[in-house]
Protein backbone atom coordinates (compact mmCIF):
# COMPACT_ATOMS: atom_id res chain seq x y z
CA MET A 1 -31.44 -40.84 91.82
CA LYS A 2 -28.51 -43.42 90.41
CA SER A 3 -30.81 -46.17 91.69
CA LEU A 4 -33.81 -45.19 90.81
CA LEU A 5 -32.24 -44.70 87.01
CA MET A 6 -30.21 -47.70 87.15
CA ALA A 7 -33.07 -49.32 88.08
CA ALA A 8 -34.84 -47.90 85.38
CA PHE A 9 -32.46 -49.19 82.57
CA LEU A 10 -32.15 -52.86 84.23
CA MET A 11 -36.05 -53.21 83.45
CA LEU A 12 -35.63 -51.87 80.10
CA GLY A 13 -33.20 -54.69 79.87
CA VAL A 14 -35.79 -57.35 80.73
CA LEU A 15 -38.44 -56.12 78.87
CA ASN A 16 -36.60 -55.65 75.65
CA LEU A 17 -34.90 -59.67 76.01
CA ASN A 18 -38.22 -60.86 76.59
CA ALA A 19 -39.53 -59.35 73.80
CA GLN A 20 -36.77 -60.83 71.57
CA ALA A 21 -37.41 -64.52 73.06
CA PRO A 22 -38.17 -66.70 69.97
CA THR A 23 -41.98 -68.03 69.61
CA GLN A 24 -42.25 -71.95 68.76
CA ALA A 25 -45.04 -73.05 66.95
CA ASP A 26 -46.69 -76.14 68.48
CA ILE A 27 -45.05 -78.82 66.04
CA THR A 28 -48.39 -81.29 66.70
CA LYS A 29 -49.94 -78.19 64.21
CA VAL A 30 -47.16 -78.86 61.82
CA LEU A 31 -46.22 -82.58 61.94
CA LYS A 32 -47.41 -86.13 62.80
CA PHE A 33 -45.31 -88.51 64.49
CA THR A 34 -45.69 -92.43 64.69
CA ASN A 35 -43.31 -94.65 67.01
CA GLU A 36 -42.26 -91.67 69.19
CA ASN A 37 -42.20 -93.17 72.55
CA PHE A 38 -41.63 -96.58 70.99
CA ASP A 39 -41.27 -99.83 72.88
CA MET A 40 -38.61 -102.68 72.14
CA GLY A 41 -40.28 -104.68 74.70
CA LYS A 42 -37.40 -107.39 75.76
CA ILE A 43 -34.53 -107.46 73.63
CA THR A 44 -31.11 -110.12 74.34
CA THR A 45 -28.36 -107.97 75.70
CA GLY A 46 -25.73 -106.82 72.29
CA LYS A 47 -28.30 -107.68 69.81
CA GLN A 48 -28.67 -104.67 67.67
CA THR A 49 -32.06 -103.38 67.03
CA GLU A 50 -33.87 -100.24 65.44
CA PHE A 51 -37.14 -99.08 64.11
CA THR A 52 -38.66 -96.08 62.53
CA VAL A 53 -39.93 -93.29 63.72
CA ASP A 54 -42.26 -92.04 60.83
CA ILE A 55 -43.14 -87.95 60.19
CA GLN A 56 -46.00 -86.41 58.37
CA ASN A 57 -45.61 -82.75 57.79
CA ILE A 58 -49.96 -81.98 58.46
CA SER A 59 -49.62 -78.13 57.30
CA ALA A 60 -49.42 -76.27 54.50
CA ALA A 61 -46.18 -75.15 54.00
CA PRO A 62 -42.75 -77.77 53.65
CA ILE A 63 -40.81 -78.79 56.63
CA THR A 64 -37.60 -79.37 56.59
CA LEU A 65 -35.28 -82.68 58.61
CA ASP A 66 -32.46 -80.61 59.80
CA ASN A 67 -30.78 -82.93 62.13
CA VAL A 68 -31.05 -85.71 64.80
CA MET A 69 -29.21 -85.59 67.77
CA VAL A 70 -29.07 -88.71 69.82
CA GLY A 71 -28.95 -89.04 74.29
CA CYS A 72 -25.64 -90.98 73.62
CA GLY A 73 -23.54 -93.34 71.61
CA CYS A 74 -25.88 -96.62 71.66
CA THR A 75 -28.21 -95.14 69.36
CA THR A 76 -27.87 -94.75 66.25
CA PRO A 77 -29.46 -92.62 63.47
CA ARG A 78 -30.57 -92.96 59.63
CA TYR A 79 -31.88 -90.54 58.18
CA THR A 80 -31.88 -87.70 55.44
CA LYS A 81 -30.07 -85.10 56.76
CA GLY A 82 -31.84 -81.57 55.12
CA GLU A 83 -34.39 -83.86 53.78
CA THR A 84 -37.70 -81.42 52.64
CA ILE A 85 -41.18 -82.81 53.63
CA ALA A 86 -44.07 -81.35 51.25
CA PRO A 87 -47.15 -80.67 52.94
CA GLY A 88 -48.90 -83.73 52.92
CA GLY A 89 -45.76 -85.86 52.71
CA HIS A 90 -43.45 -88.33 55.17
CA ALA A 91 -39.92 -89.00 55.93
CA SER A 92 -38.31 -91.07 58.06
CA VAL A 93 -36.23 -91.66 61.38
CA VAL A 94 -34.33 -94.70 61.80
CA LEU A 95 -32.72 -95.05 64.77
CA GLY A 96 -30.44 -97.94 65.95
CA PHE A 97 -29.65 -99.36 69.32
CA ASN A 98 -26.57 -101.35 70.30
CA GLY A 99 -28.51 -103.50 72.86
CA SER A 100 -25.62 -102.59 74.84
CA ALA A 101 -28.52 -102.64 78.53
CA VAL A 102 -28.72 -104.92 80.66
CA GLY A 103 -32.16 -104.67 82.58
CA GLY A 104 -34.40 -101.83 81.95
CA PHE A 105 -33.78 -98.50 79.83
CA THR A 106 -35.22 -95.41 77.64
CA LYS A 107 -33.21 -93.42 74.96
CA VAL A 108 -33.88 -90.35 73.50
CA ALA A 109 -33.14 -88.82 70.17
CA THR A 110 -33.97 -85.13 69.66
CA LEU A 111 -35.66 -84.31 65.70
CA PHE A 112 -34.33 -80.56 64.50
CA PHE A 113 -36.89 -79.07 61.94
CA SER A 114 -36.56 -75.29 59.65
CA GLY A 115 -39.13 -73.07 61.56
CA ASN A 116 -36.82 -73.72 64.87
CA LEU A 117 -38.92 -76.59 65.56
CA THR A 118 -37.67 -79.72 67.86
CA LYS A 119 -39.28 -82.93 68.67
CA GLN A 120 -38.05 -85.35 71.44
CA VAL A 121 -38.84 -88.87 70.60
CA SER A 122 -37.30 -92.28 72.54
CA PHE A 123 -37.66 -95.59 73.26
CA HIS A 124 -38.04 -98.45 76.03
CA GLY A 125 -37.27 -101.91 76.43
CA GLU A 126 -35.59 -104.29 78.74
CA GLY A 127 -32.33 -105.70 78.34
CA VAL A 128 -31.79 -109.74 78.92
CA GLN A 129 -29.19 -111.97 78.87
CA GLN A 130 -29.02 -115.25 77.12
């Protein structure tokens, strides 16, 4: 009897956790990204470079750019934290790279928006000696 009661409580706990899991909206129906997988090509090692990710709000509601987190210290983001992107409006995130790589590299940044939306963008290239 104890085993049956314990199994019932365990099952209810699992069902309760699944019911509370937040669902994330399909970001492609809310925001459109340009340069979300940018190819820097060949860059001279040690030469700083940057590119811009353009974000367009294609929904009917305003969206807020809350944060940008980069994968390592060699990448620096420039953006307006808390910027509200009106419907049809644009925002941008500039990602800088310090050029520390020799050989092929791939770097990522994660963009966080209101409504629990996230988007991972990346850039890649090849660092070459001068």
